[in-house]
N, C-alpha and C. Protein backbone atom coordinates (compact mmCIF):
# COMPACT_ATOMS: atom_id res chain seq x y z
N MET A 1 22.40 92.67 154.95
CA MET A 1 23.77 91.68 156.01
C MET A 1 25.07 92.38 155.76
N LYS A 2 25.61 92.58 157.42
CA LYS A 2 26.93 93.40 157.06
C LYS A 2 28.08 92.45 156.68
N PRO A 3 28.88 92.95 155.38
CA PRO A 3 29.99 92.31 155.03
C PRO A 3 30.71 91.63 155.96
N ARG A 4 31.46 90.40 155.81
CA ARG A 4 32.39 89.80 156.67
C ARG A 4 33.54 90.62 156.29
N ALA A 5 33.94 90.93 157.37
CA ALA A 5 35.68 91.19 157.31
C ALA A 5 36.85 90.59 157.39
N PHE A 6 37.83 90.68 157.03
CA PHE A 6 38.99 89.63 157.04
C PHE A 6 39.48 89.37 158.40
N THR A 7 39.74 88.57 158.67
CA THR A 7 40.41 88.57 160.28
C THR A 7 41.96 88.57 159.88
N LEU A 8 42.37 88.66 161.13
CA LEU A 8 43.88 89.04 161.27
C LEU A 8 44.94 87.95 160.90
N ILE A 9 44.53 86.65 160.80
CA ILE A 9 45.22 85.56 160.55
C ILE A 9 45.15 85.37 159.08
N GLU A 10 43.72 85.97 158.47
CA GLU A 10 43.69 85.88 156.59
C GLU A 10 44.49 86.79 156.14
N LEU A 11 44.66 88.05 156.91
CA LEU A 11 45.48 89.29 156.38
C LEU A 11 46.78 88.59 156.15
N LEU A 12 47.28 88.15 157.43
CA LEU A 12 48.67 87.72 157.39
C LEU A 12 48.86 86.66 156.40
N ILE A 13 48.01 85.78 156.35
CA ILE A 13 48.38 84.64 155.21
C ILE A 13 48.45 85.60 154.10
N VAL A 14 47.58 86.39 153.43
CA VAL A 14 47.48 86.92 152.19
C VAL A 14 48.99 87.90 152.08
N VAL A 15 49.25 88.67 153.12
CA VAL A 15 50.41 89.29 152.90
C VAL A 15 51.99 88.32 153.23
N ALA A 16 51.94 87.30 153.52
CA ALA A 16 53.01 86.19 153.47
C ALA A 16 52.95 85.79 152.08
N ILE A 17 51.68 85.23 151.14
CA ILE A 17 51.64 85.11 149.85
C ILE A 17 52.49 86.16 149.08
N ILE A 18 51.89 87.23 149.28
CA ILE A 18 52.36 88.32 148.71
C ILE A 18 53.92 88.43 148.50
N GLY A 19 54.38 88.02 150.15
CA GLY A 19 55.70 88.44 150.27
C GLY A 19 56.70 86.81 149.52
N VAL A 20 55.98 85.98 149.22
CA VAL A 20 56.90 84.41 148.90
C VAL A 20 56.76 84.71 147.19
N LEU A 21 55.60 85.35 146.49
CA LEU A 21 55.57 85.73 145.19
C LEU A 21 56.38 86.68 145.08
N ALA A 22 56.59 87.80 145.55
CA ALA A 22 57.82 89.06 145.36
C ALA A 22 59.30 88.35 145.61
N VAL A 23 59.43 87.53 146.36
CA VAL A 23 60.58 86.67 146.35
C VAL A 23 60.86 85.84 145.22
N LEU A 24 60.30 85.05 144.87
CA LEU A 24 60.21 84.23 143.88
C LEU A 24 60.45 84.94 142.30
N LEU A 25 59.56 86.28 142.35
CA LEU A 25 59.50 86.87 141.02
C LEU A 25 60.74 87.91 140.77
N LEU A 26 61.52 88.29 141.97
CA LEU A 26 62.69 89.49 142.00
C LEU A 26 63.84 88.51 141.38
N PRO A 27 64.11 87.40 141.58
CA PRO A 27 65.32 86.90 140.45
C PRO A 27 64.75 87.06 139.07
N ALA A 28 64.06 86.72 138.88
CA ALA A 28 63.12 86.85 137.38
C ALA A 28 63.39 88.06 136.86
N MET A 29 62.68 89.05 137.67
CA MET A 29 62.76 90.59 137.56
C MET A 29 64.16 91.10 136.85
N GLN A 30 65.17 90.73 137.75
CA GLN A 30 66.44 90.87 137.94
C GLN A 30 67.44 90.41 136.60
N ASN A 31 66.90 89.15 136.27
CA ASN A 31 67.46 88.69 135.13
C ASN A 31 67.04 89.26 133.82
N MET A 32 65.77 89.84 134.00
CA MET A 32 64.98 90.59 132.41
C MET A 32 65.89 91.76 132.48
N LEU A 33 66.44 92.47 133.47
CA LEU A 33 66.84 93.78 133.53
C LEU A 33 68.29 93.51 132.95
N SER A 34 68.96 92.44 133.68
CA SER A 34 70.11 91.86 133.18
C SER A 34 70.20 92.15 131.86
N ARG A 35 69.20 90.90 131.10
CA ARG A 35 69.20 90.87 130.16
C ARG A 35 69.33 91.71 128.89
N GLY A 36 68.37 92.68 129.12
CA GLY A 36 67.93 94.30 128.73
C GLY A 36 69.46 95.00 128.87
N ASN A 37 69.88 95.13 129.84
CA ASN A 37 71.17 96.19 129.81
C ASN A 37 72.51 95.25 128.92
N ASP A 38 72.37 93.76 129.13
CA ASP A 38 73.34 93.10 128.26
C ASP A 38 72.98 93.65 126.54
N GLY A 39 71.69 93.52 126.57
CA GLY A 39 71.09 93.83 125.20
C GLY A 39 71.72 95.20 124.37
N LYS A 40 71.70 96.43 125.38
CA LYS A 40 72.11 97.77 125.15
C LYS A 40 73.89 97.65 125.08
N THR A 41 74.36 96.89 125.91
CA THR A 41 75.88 97.01 125.59
C THR A 41 76.30 96.24 124.58
N VAL A 42 75.59 95.21 124.07
CA VAL A 42 75.76 94.45 122.80
C VAL A 42 75.60 95.46 121.44
N SER A 43 75.00 96.06 121.82
CA SER A 43 74.21 97.28 120.62
C SER A 43 75.35 98.01 120.50
N ASN A 44 75.81 98.83 121.67
CA ASN A 44 76.72 99.70 122.01
C ASN A 44 77.99 99.10 121.40
N LEU A 45 78.56 97.82 121.55
CA LEU A 45 79.81 97.72 121.18
C LEU A 45 79.36 97.19 119.64
N ARG A 46 78.53 97.10 119.02
CA ARG A 46 78.47 96.84 117.56
C ARG A 46 79.04 98.15 117.08
N GLN A 47 77.95 99.33 117.66
CA GLN A 47 78.28 100.27 117.36
C GLN A 47 79.90 100.88 117.12
N ILE A 48 80.34 100.43 118.26
CA ILE A 48 82.15 100.94 118.43
C ILE A 48 82.92 99.94 117.69
N GLY A 49 82.43 98.96 117.61
CA GLY A 49 83.14 98.38 116.31
C GLY A 49 82.83 98.42 114.87
N ALA A 50 81.89 98.98 114.55
CA ALA A 50 81.76 99.77 113.23
C ALA A 50 82.68 100.72 113.21
N ALA A 51 82.56 101.72 114.51
CA ALA A 51 83.38 103.12 114.14
C ALA A 51 84.85 102.61 114.07
N LEU A 52 85.33 101.63 114.84
CA LEU A 52 86.60 101.36 114.88
C LEU A 52 87.29 100.92 113.34
N ILE A 53 86.55 99.78 112.87
CA ILE A 53 86.76 99.70 111.63
C ILE A 53 86.74 100.48 110.47
N ALA A 54 85.58 101.57 110.78
CA ALA A 54 85.76 102.73 109.91
C ALA A 54 87.23 103.61 109.97
N TYR A 55 87.24 103.77 111.42
CA TYR A 55 88.70 104.60 111.66
C TYR A 55 89.76 103.77 111.15
N ALA A 56 89.81 102.63 111.02
CA ALA A 56 91.13 101.94 110.55
C ALA A 56 91.21 102.01 108.86
N SER A 57 90.20 102.15 108.58
CA SER A 57 90.07 102.18 107.03
C SER A 57 90.46 103.43 106.74
N ASP A 58 90.52 104.94 107.72
CA ASP A 58 91.11 105.44 107.03
C ASP A 58 92.43 106.08 107.42
N HIS A 59 93.17 104.73 108.56
CA HIS A 59 94.30 105.08 109.14
C HIS A 59 95.18 104.19 108.37
N GLN A 60 95.42 103.36 107.52
CA GLN A 60 96.14 102.39 107.11
C GLN A 60 95.72 101.27 108.14
N GLN A 61 94.69 100.94 108.13
CA GLN A 61 94.30 99.69 109.08
C GLN A 61 94.95 99.69 110.25
N LEU A 62 94.87 100.93 111.16
CA LEU A 62 95.40 101.07 112.40
C LEU A 62 94.68 101.68 113.23
N LEU A 63 94.45 101.14 114.13
CA LEU A 63 93.16 101.48 115.34
C LEU A 63 93.48 102.56 115.86
N PRO A 64 93.16 103.20 116.81
CA PRO A 64 93.45 104.44 117.80
C PRO A 64 94.28 103.34 118.93
N ALA A 65 95.09 104.18 119.23
CA ALA A 65 96.17 103.68 120.24
C ALA A 65 95.52 104.23 121.66
N ALA A 66 95.26 103.06 122.88
CA ALA A 66 95.15 103.55 123.90
C ALA A 66 96.64 103.71 124.94
N HIS A 67 96.44 104.77 125.74
CA HIS A 67 97.76 104.96 126.30
C HIS A 67 97.47 104.81 127.69
N ALA A 68 97.15 105.56 128.48
CA ALA A 68 96.66 105.43 130.20
C ALA A 68 95.33 106.39 130.33
N THR A 69 95.46 106.68 131.75
CA THR A 69 94.09 106.96 132.14
C THR A 69 94.01 108.75 131.20
N ILE A 70 93.31 108.96 130.48
CA ILE A 70 93.24 110.08 129.59
C ILE A 70 91.80 110.47 129.72
N PRO A 71 91.14 111.62 130.04
CA PRO A 71 89.88 112.09 130.35
C PRO A 71 89.46 112.81 128.51
N TYR A 72 88.28 113.00 128.38
CA TYR A 72 88.41 113.66 127.11
C TYR A 72 88.73 114.91 127.24
N GLN A 73 89.06 115.59 126.20
CA GLN A 73 90.42 116.67 125.56
C GLN A 73 89.21 117.55 125.04
N THR A 74 89.32 119.26 125.86
CA THR A 74 88.54 120.44 125.07
C THR A 74 89.38 120.62 123.70
N ASP A 75 90.93 120.26 123.84
CA ASP A 75 91.47 120.47 122.67
C ASP A 75 91.55 119.23 121.51
N GLN A 76 91.05 119.20 120.44
CA GLN A 76 91.25 118.21 119.58
C GLN A 76 92.41 118.00 119.14
N ALA A 77 93.25 118.76 119.12
CA ALA A 77 94.80 118.59 118.75
C ALA A 77 95.24 117.94 119.64
N ALA A 78 94.94 117.64 121.03
CA ALA A 78 95.87 117.27 122.02
C ALA A 78 96.44 115.96 121.79
N ASP A 79 97.88 115.85 122.43
CA ASP A 79 98.22 114.33 121.96
C ASP A 79 98.89 113.96 123.60
N PRO A 80 98.51 112.64 123.32
CA PRO A 80 97.54 111.75 122.75
C PRO A 80 96.00 112.25 123.09
N LEU A 81 95.19 111.60 122.39
CA LEU A 81 93.74 111.80 122.70
C LEU A 81 93.39 110.45 122.91
N PRO A 82 92.27 110.39 123.98
CA PRO A 82 91.89 109.38 124.42
C PRO A 82 91.28 108.27 123.11
N TRP A 83 91.36 107.13 122.89
CA TRP A 83 90.81 106.40 121.76
C TRP A 83 89.08 106.67 121.78
N GLN A 84 88.53 106.57 122.84
CA GLN A 84 87.03 106.94 122.31
C GLN A 84 86.93 108.64 121.69
N GLN A 85 87.60 109.34 121.97
CA GLN A 85 87.77 110.56 121.51
C GLN A 85 87.92 110.55 119.84
N GLN A 86 88.80 109.89 119.91
CA GLN A 86 89.41 109.78 118.41
C GLN A 86 88.19 109.11 117.92
N LEU A 87 87.22 108.65 117.88
CA LEU A 87 86.27 107.91 117.33
C LEU A 87 84.96 109.00 117.09
N ASP A 88 85.29 110.13 117.59
CA ASP A 88 84.32 111.33 117.58
C ASP A 88 83.51 111.25 116.00
N THR A 89 84.38 111.28 115.27
CA THR A 89 83.92 111.71 113.78
C THR A 89 83.32 110.55 113.19
N TYR A 90 83.44 109.06 113.48
CA TYR A 90 82.96 107.96 113.31
C TYR A 90 81.62 107.73 114.14
N ILE A 91 81.28 108.22 115.23
CA ILE A 91 80.16 108.13 115.75
C ILE A 91 78.88 109.17 115.50
N GLY A 92 79.36 110.35 114.73
CA GLY A 92 78.43 111.05 114.18
C GLY A 92 78.68 112.61 115.41
N TYR A 93 79.75 112.41 116.14
CA TYR A 93 79.54 113.51 117.40
C TYR A 93 79.94 114.97 116.95
N THR A 94 79.41 115.69 117.27
CA THR A 94 79.09 117.25 116.45
C THR A 94 79.65 118.26 117.44
N GLY A 95 80.11 117.54 118.75
CA GLY A 95 80.54 118.66 119.83
C GLY A 95 79.71 119.48 120.72
N ALA A 96 78.16 118.76 120.55
CA ALA A 96 77.54 119.49 121.20
C ALA A 96 76.63 118.60 122.63
N SER A 97 77.39 117.33 122.57
CA SER A 97 77.23 116.36 123.75
C SER A 97 78.50 116.39 124.54
N THR A 98 77.85 115.18 125.54
CA THR A 98 79.33 115.01 126.44
C THR A 98 79.02 113.27 126.10
N GLU A 99 80.22 112.70 126.91
CA GLU A 99 80.06 111.23 127.19
C GLU A 99 79.01 110.42 127.67
N THR A 100 77.96 110.95 128.30
CA THR A 100 76.89 110.35 128.65
C THR A 100 75.96 111.20 127.87
N ASP A 101 75.88 111.89 127.04
CA ASP A 101 74.23 112.36 126.24
C ASP A 101 74.86 112.50 125.03
N GLY A 102 74.12 112.34 123.62
CA GLY A 102 74.19 112.78 122.24
C GLY A 102 74.64 111.57 121.88
N GLU A 103 75.57 111.81 120.76
CA GLU A 103 76.32 111.06 120.09
C GLU A 103 76.90 109.95 120.72
N ARG A 104 77.73 110.54 122.07
CA ARG A 104 78.75 110.08 122.63
C ARG A 104 77.97 109.15 123.73
N LYS A 105 76.88 108.84 123.66
CA LYS A 105 76.02 108.07 124.83
C LYS A 105 76.22 106.76 124.35
N VAL A 106 76.92 106.41 122.98
CA VAL A 106 77.23 104.95 122.96
C VAL A 106 78.35 104.28 124.13
N PHE A 107 79.27 105.60 124.50
CA PHE A 107 80.21 104.78 125.36
C PHE A 107 79.57 104.89 126.61
N SER A 108 78.54 105.15 127.13
CA SER A 108 77.25 105.17 128.33
C SER A 108 77.28 103.72 128.64
N ALA A 109 77.77 103.12 129.50
CA ALA A 109 77.31 101.45 129.53
C ALA A 109 76.08 101.39 130.39
N PRO A 110 75.05 100.54 130.04
CA PRO A 110 73.74 100.76 130.87
C PRO A 110 74.07 99.82 132.27
N THR A 111 75.08 98.89 132.72
CA THR A 111 75.42 98.50 133.49
C THR A 111 76.43 99.67 134.87
N CYS A 112 76.57 101.04 134.03
CA CYS A 112 77.43 101.92 134.86
C CYS A 112 76.29 102.79 135.88
N ALA A 113 77.07 102.51 137.16
CA ALA A 113 76.39 103.64 138.25
C ALA A 113 76.84 105.00 138.40
N TYR A 114 78.04 105.12 137.39
CA TYR A 114 78.62 106.18 137.44
C TYR A 114 78.60 107.05 136.26
N ARG A 115 79.17 108.15 136.17
CA ARG A 115 78.85 108.99 134.91
C ARG A 115 79.66 108.52 133.71
N THR A 116 80.71 108.03 134.09
CA THR A 116 81.59 107.74 132.85
C THR A 116 81.28 106.23 132.77
N ASN A 117 82.30 105.28 131.49
CA ASN A 117 81.71 104.23 131.39
C ASN A 117 82.81 103.00 131.69
N SER A 118 82.61 101.96 131.05
CA SER A 118 83.47 101.09 131.63
C SER A 118 83.73 99.95 130.23
N PHE A 119 83.67 100.58 128.84
CA PHE A 119 84.23 100.30 127.89
C PHE A 119 85.67 100.20 127.69
N PHE A 120 86.06 98.92 127.37
CA PHE A 120 87.65 99.00 127.12
C PHE A 120 88.19 98.55 125.54
N LEU A 121 89.44 99.22 125.29
CA LEU A 121 89.97 98.68 124.12
C LEU A 121 91.16 97.66 123.92
N GLY A 122 91.05 96.65 123.30
CA GLY A 122 91.84 95.74 123.68
C GLY A 122 92.93 96.00 122.54
N SER A 123 94.13 96.63 123.08
CA SER A 123 95.24 96.98 122.30
C SER A 123 96.60 96.59 123.06
N TYR A 124 96.70 95.65 124.27
CA TYR A 124 97.51 95.79 125.08
C TYR A 124 98.71 95.00 123.87
N ALA A 125 98.23 93.96 123.44
CA ALA A 125 98.79 93.15 122.78
C ALA A 125 99.87 93.88 121.44
N ALA A 126 99.26 94.67 120.65
CA ALA A 126 99.97 95.53 119.80
C ALA A 126 101.08 96.00 120.34
N GLY A 127 100.88 96.80 121.88
CA GLY A 127 102.08 97.29 122.58
C GLY A 127 103.15 96.35 122.91
N TYR A 128 102.95 95.25 123.05
CA TYR A 128 103.54 94.03 123.52
C TYR A 128 104.32 93.84 122.21
N ALA A 129 103.34 93.49 121.31
CA ALA A 129 104.37 93.14 120.06
C ALA A 129 105.23 94.14 119.39
N THR A 130 105.00 95.22 119.65
CA THR A 130 105.69 96.72 119.22
C THR A 130 107.20 96.62 120.17
N ALA A 131 106.87 96.29 121.25
CA ALA A 131 108.00 96.38 122.52
C ALA A 131 109.05 95.39 121.82
N LYS A 132 108.29 94.01 121.53
CA LYS A 132 109.21 93.13 121.27
C LYS A 132 110.24 93.14 119.87
N GLU A 133 109.47 93.97 118.87
CA GLU A 133 110.31 94.30 117.89
C GLU A 133 111.10 95.32 117.88
N SER A 134 111.11 96.23 118.93
CA SER A 134 111.93 97.44 119.02
C SER A 134 113.11 97.40 120.04
N ASN A 135 114.29 97.90 119.60
CA ASN A 135 115.83 97.60 120.35
C ASN A 135 115.64 97.60 121.98
N GLY A 136 114.80 98.53 122.44
CA GLY A 136 114.78 98.45 124.11
C GLY A 136 113.95 97.62 124.53
N GLY A 137 112.98 96.66 123.89
CA GLY A 137 112.05 95.69 124.40
C GLY A 137 111.20 96.14 125.78
N GLU A 138 111.09 97.54 125.71
CA GLU A 138 110.03 97.87 126.81
C GLU A 138 108.68 97.95 126.46
N PHE A 139 107.51 97.93 127.09
CA PHE A 139 106.14 98.17 126.64
C PHE A 139 105.95 99.47 125.75
N ILE A 140 105.49 99.58 124.60
CA ILE A 140 104.99 100.77 123.83
C ILE A 140 103.57 100.68 123.73
N PHE A 141 103.32 102.00 123.87
CA PHE A 141 101.42 102.23 123.58
C PHE A 141 101.87 102.12 122.27
N ALA A 142 101.24 101.25 121.06
CA ALA A 142 100.76 101.51 119.58
C ALA A 142 99.45 100.92 119.35
N PRO A 143 99.37 101.51 117.94
CA PRO A 143 97.97 101.24 117.67
C PRO A 143 97.87 99.76 117.03
N LEU A 144 96.80 99.09 117.25
CA LEU A 144 96.52 97.61 116.58
C LEU A 144 96.38 97.65 115.16
N ASN A 145 97.10 97.05 114.28
CA ASN A 145 96.86 96.45 113.06
C ASN A 145 96.05 95.72 112.82
N LEU A 146 95.17 95.88 112.28
CA LEU A 146 94.30 94.86 111.89
C LEU A 146 94.68 93.95 110.92
N GLN A 147 95.37 94.18 110.09
CA GLN A 147 96.14 93.35 109.04
C GLN A 147 97.03 92.18 109.44
N ARG A 148 97.41 92.56 110.59
CA ARG A 148 98.16 90.98 111.27
C ARG A 148 97.51 90.42 112.26
N ILE A 149 96.44 90.36 112.11
CA ILE A 149 95.42 89.60 113.04
C ILE A 149 94.81 88.60 112.17
N THR A 150 95.43 87.20 112.60
CA THR A 150 95.35 85.78 111.69
C THR A 150 94.27 85.59 112.17
N ARG A 151 93.51 85.44 113.31
CA ARG A 151 92.18 84.76 114.03
C ARG A 151 91.22 85.78 114.35
N PRO A 152 90.55 86.36 113.72
CA PRO A 152 89.44 87.65 113.83
C PRO A 152 88.22 87.09 114.92
N SER A 153 87.85 86.32 114.71
CA SER A 153 86.92 85.53 115.17
C SER A 153 87.15 85.33 116.79
N MET A 154 88.43 85.20 117.19
CA MET A 154 88.84 85.18 118.24
C MET A 154 89.50 86.28 119.14
N HIS A 155 89.93 86.78 118.33
CA HIS A 155 90.74 88.37 118.70
C HIS A 155 90.03 89.28 119.01
N VAL A 156 90.39 89.73 120.84
CA VAL A 156 89.45 90.36 121.41
C VAL A 156 89.88 91.44 121.04
N LEU A 157 88.89 92.69 120.26
CA LEU A 157 88.79 93.88 119.96
C LEU A 157 88.94 95.07 121.00
N GLY A 158 87.99 94.11 121.83
CA GLY A 158 87.47 95.57 123.00
C GLY A 158 86.54 94.68 123.60
N GLY A 159 85.72 95.79 124.89
CA GLY A 159 84.76 95.12 125.59
C GLY A 159 83.96 95.98 126.52
N GLU A 160 83.22 95.30 127.61
CA GLU A 160 82.62 95.98 128.30
C GLU A 160 82.46 95.15 129.79
N VAL A 161 83.17 95.74 130.98
CA VAL A 161 83.51 95.18 132.06
C VAL A 161 82.14 94.96 133.16
N ALA A 162 81.10 95.33 132.85
CA ALA A 162 79.72 95.57 133.39
C ALA A 162 80.42 96.40 135.11
N ARG A 163 81.14 97.16 135.06
CA ARG A 163 81.44 97.94 136.32
C ARG A 163 82.03 97.07 137.48
N HIS A 164 82.73 95.55 137.21
CA HIS A 164 82.83 95.34 138.18
C HIS A 164 84.43 95.54 138.16
N VAL A 165 85.22 95.97 137.52
CA VAL A 165 86.62 96.91 137.58
C VAL A 165 86.64 98.31 137.43
N GLN A 166 87.19 98.67 138.76
CA GLN A 166 87.25 100.05 138.72
C GLN A 166 87.95 100.96 138.36
N PHE A 167 87.37 101.14 136.58
CA PHE A 167 88.50 102.14 136.29
C PHE A 167 88.35 103.47 136.72
N ALA A 168 89.28 104.36 136.44
CA ALA A 168 89.01 105.85 137.11
C ALA A 168 88.07 106.32 136.02
N ASP A 169 86.98 107.46 137.13
CA ASP A 169 86.17 107.89 136.63
C ASP A 169 86.12 108.76 135.30
N ASN A 170 87.38 109.26 135.35
CA ASN A 170 87.45 110.34 134.02
C ASN A 170 88.29 109.87 133.10
N ASP A 171 88.19 108.60 132.99
CA ASP A 171 89.11 107.72 131.79
C ASP A 171 88.48 107.45 130.80
N ALA A 172 88.81 108.12 129.48
CA ALA A 172 87.97 107.83 128.14
C ALA A 172 89.23 107.23 127.26
N ASP A 173 90.38 106.47 128.11
CA ASP A 173 91.06 105.89 127.19
C ASP A 173 91.75 104.51 127.72
N LYS A 174 90.53 103.59 128.25
CA LYS A 174 90.47 102.44 128.98
C LYS A 174 91.12 101.16 128.22
N ASP A 175 91.72 100.37 128.70
CA ASP A 175 92.35 99.40 128.05
C ASP A 175 92.61 98.15 128.76
N ASP A 176 93.15 97.30 127.95
CA ASP A 176 93.03 95.72 129.03
C ASP A 176 94.80 95.74 129.25
N TYR A 177 95.27 96.13 130.02
CA TYR A 177 96.89 96.36 130.20
C TYR A 177 97.77 95.58 130.42
N GLY A 178 97.10 94.26 130.81
CA GLY A 178 97.87 92.93 131.00
C GLY A 178 96.96 91.55 130.74
N ASP A 179 97.42 90.84 129.91
CA ASP A 179 96.74 89.46 129.33
C ASP A 179 95.43 89.56 129.79
N ASN A 180 95.01 90.61 129.29
CA ASN A 180 93.35 90.61 129.23
C ASN A 180 92.57 90.63 130.45
N ASP A 181 93.51 91.33 131.64
CA ASP A 181 93.05 91.84 133.03
C ASP A 181 93.35 93.36 132.16
N PRO A 182 92.46 94.35 132.77
CA PRO A 182 91.44 93.92 134.06
C PRO A 182 89.74 93.43 133.69
N ALA A 183 89.96 92.89 132.15
CA ALA A 183 88.40 92.44 131.89
C ALA A 183 88.24 91.43 132.92
N PHE A 184 89.02 90.19 133.14
CA PHE A 184 88.35 89.22 134.14
C PHE A 184 89.42 89.00 134.87
N LEU A 185 90.04 89.79 135.49
CA LEU A 185 90.83 89.98 136.88
C LEU A 185 91.37 88.54 136.89
N GLY A 186 91.83 88.09 136.05
CA GLY A 186 92.82 86.65 136.03
C GLY A 186 92.23 85.88 136.51
N ALA A 187 90.67 85.83 136.89
CA ALA A 187 89.89 84.28 137.71
C ALA A 187 88.53 84.68 136.71
N SER A 188 87.99 83.59 137.53
CA SER A 188 86.46 83.15 137.14
C SER A 188 85.67 83.99 137.59
N GLY A 189 84.52 85.01 137.22
CA GLY A 189 84.08 85.69 138.18
C GLY A 189 82.29 85.72 138.11
N THR A 190 81.58 86.41 138.46
CA THR A 190 80.41 86.10 138.34
C THR A 190 79.65 87.37 137.51
N LYS A 191 80.37 88.28 136.98
CA LYS A 191 80.01 89.24 136.25
C LYS A 191 80.16 88.99 134.65
N VAL A 192 79.16 89.08 133.63
CA VAL A 192 79.46 88.79 132.43
C VAL A 192 80.16 89.73 131.78
N VAL A 193 81.29 89.60 131.34
CA VAL A 193 81.90 90.85 130.53
C VAL A 193 81.67 90.40 128.96
N GLN A 194 81.06 91.37 128.54
CA GLN A 194 80.73 91.42 127.03
C GLN A 194 82.07 91.86 126.26
N ILE A 195 82.28 90.98 125.28
CA ILE A 195 83.77 90.82 124.51
C ILE A 195 83.21 91.28 123.03
N LEU A 196 84.22 92.51 122.30
CA LEU A 196 83.94 92.68 120.92
C LEU A 196 85.06 91.92 120.13
N PHE A 197 84.46 90.94 119.48
CA PHE A 197 85.89 90.37 118.51
C PHE A 197 86.13 91.20 117.37
N ALA A 198 87.19 90.97 116.59
CA ALA A 198 87.66 91.34 115.24
C ALA A 198 87.02 91.39 114.09
N ASP A 199 86.21 90.16 114.43
CA ASP A 199 85.28 90.14 113.31
C ASP A 199 84.04 90.61 113.37
N GLY A 200 83.74 91.64 114.08
CA GLY A 200 82.51 92.23 114.79
C GLY A 200 81.59 91.62 115.26
N HIS A 201 81.54 90.11 115.97
CA HIS A 201 80.69 89.79 116.37
C HIS A 201 80.88 90.06 118.06
N VAL A 202 79.93 89.90 119.10
CA VAL A 202 79.97 90.30 120.53
C VAL A 202 79.09 89.20 120.86
N ALA A 203 79.99 88.66 122.50
CA ALA A 203 79.50 87.42 122.77
C ALA A 203 79.91 87.76 124.53
N GLY A 204 79.22 87.20 125.67
CA GLY A 204 79.51 87.15 127.01
C GLY A 204 79.69 86.32 127.48
N PHE A 205 81.20 86.52 128.36
CA PHE A 205 81.88 85.58 129.21
C PHE A 205 81.92 85.89 130.64
N LYS A 206 82.21 84.95 131.43
CA LYS A 206 82.69 85.09 132.42
C LYS A 206 83.77 84.86 133.16
N ALA A 207 84.51 84.32 132.24
CA ALA A 207 86.00 84.00 132.36
C ALA A 207 86.63 84.04 131.11
N PHE A 208 87.84 84.33 131.06
CA PHE A 208 88.79 83.87 129.62
C PHE A 208 88.57 82.34 129.19
N ASP A 209 88.10 82.37 128.10
CA ASP A 209 87.86 81.34 127.75
C ASP A 209 89.30 81.03 126.36
N PRO A 210 90.54 80.37 126.47
CA PRO A 210 91.19 80.15 125.73
C PRO A 210 90.85 79.19 124.43
N THR A 211 89.58 78.34 124.54
CA THR A 211 89.04 78.07 123.01
C THR A 211 88.42 78.90 122.42
N ARG A 212 87.63 80.05 122.74
CA ARG A 212 86.84 80.98 122.35
C ARG A 212 87.72 82.43 121.81
N MET A 213 89.02 82.55 122.63
CA MET A 213 89.09 84.02 122.60
C MET A 213 90.82 83.90 122.85
N THR A 214 91.24 84.96 122.16
CA THR A 214 92.92 84.84 122.48
C THR A 214 93.44 86.62 122.41
N VAL A 215 94.08 86.52 123.13
CA VAL A 215 94.47 88.40 123.62
C VAL A 215 96.15 88.27 122.74
N ARG A 216 96.45 87.19 121.67
CA ARG A 216 97.46 87.11 121.13
C ARG A 216 97.33 87.82 119.95
N TYR A 217 98.75 88.62 119.61
CA TYR A 217 98.15 89.33 118.54
C TYR A 217 99.49 88.87 117.66
N GLU A 218 98.75 87.96 116.49
CA GLU A 218 99.75 87.11 115.51
C GLU A 218 100.21 87.94 114.25
N GLY A 219 101.35 87.47 113.77
CA GLY A 219 101.67 88.24 112.65
C GLY A 219 102.50 87.17 112.14
N VAL A 220 103.37 87.42 110.89
CA VAL A 220 104.51 86.70 109.93
C VAL A 220 105.79 87.47 110.36
N LYS A 221 106.67 86.73 110.76
CA LYS A 221 107.73 86.95 111.04
C LYS A 221 108.74 86.96 109.52
N GLU A 222 110.08 87.39 109.51
CA GLU A 222 110.50 87.15 108.10
C GLU A 222 110.69 85.82 107.46
N ASP A 223 111.21 84.96 108.79
CA ASP A 223 111.13 83.39 108.43
C ASP A 223 110.10 82.99 108.06
N GLY A 224 109.07 83.55 108.17
CA GLY A 224 107.32 82.94 107.74
C GLY A 224 106.77 82.40 109.03
N THR A 225 107.21 82.33 110.25
CA THR A 225 106.54 81.84 111.35
C THR A 225 105.88 82.74 111.99
N GLY A 226 105.06 82.38 112.69
CA GLY A 226 103.76 83.31 113.02
C GLY A 226 104.76 83.53 114.74
N TYR A 227 104.17 84.84 115.63
CA TYR A 227 104.46 84.92 116.85
C TYR A 227 103.56 85.59 117.61
N SER A 228 103.19 85.29 119.08
CA SER A 228 102.54 85.97 119.35
C SER A 228 103.02 86.71 120.81
N TYR A 229 102.82 87.65 121.41
CA TYR A 229 103.03 88.53 122.36
C TYR A 229 102.90 87.61 124.02
N SER A 230 102.39 86.10 123.81
CA SER A 230 102.92 85.31 125.00
C SER A 230 103.87 84.26 124.56
N ASP A 231 104.41 84.62 123.58
CA ASP A 231 105.63 83.90 123.46
C ASP A 231 106.95 83.84 124.47
N PRO A 232 107.55 82.92 124.99
CA PRO A 232 108.43 82.83 126.04
C PRO A 232 109.91 83.72 125.67
């Protein structure tokens, strides 16, 4: 008996069913990929956080200072060096890799479609506080002092902006240069920003949450009162 072949209508129905299933499964697959990327980012941030703390322990509790758009330098004695390069010793970098390979791969964001990364160091508040204490009062690039943070579980030490912020591609010295922007762009968004806090934990946010984080750099004045860079 000759086998019965599928009719055109039956084939179209099968194709339609496959198409519907693909549409239904695509968001789930994208979510799984996103969660996987978030997991890699969190792991990288925890390693970066450990390197920052180790660096601070060797530098009177001072973290590297972020300045402006600075690429990786061939001269290790260059001044200033990008904050990422200042951590080379603490991530096991031996000089045989690049920012996307070997030990420096910790700075290569899994969500990044470009050669460089989108990790930033949250040191803007330190510069602001230093400026307030100086005679001129102008913003100064300054290292953050861990001893002056009074809310480590809320203080933003750094993070990764999931590439929705266009940092300069050659920049290895990214920072949050204004009230936690560009991390959140001053408004709620759809991209998750993974934030590293001064106590070492990492959490994802789509917008700045004043109940769970602060950009304030708190300390104690001579009169015993605290201050923050958001003071009027």
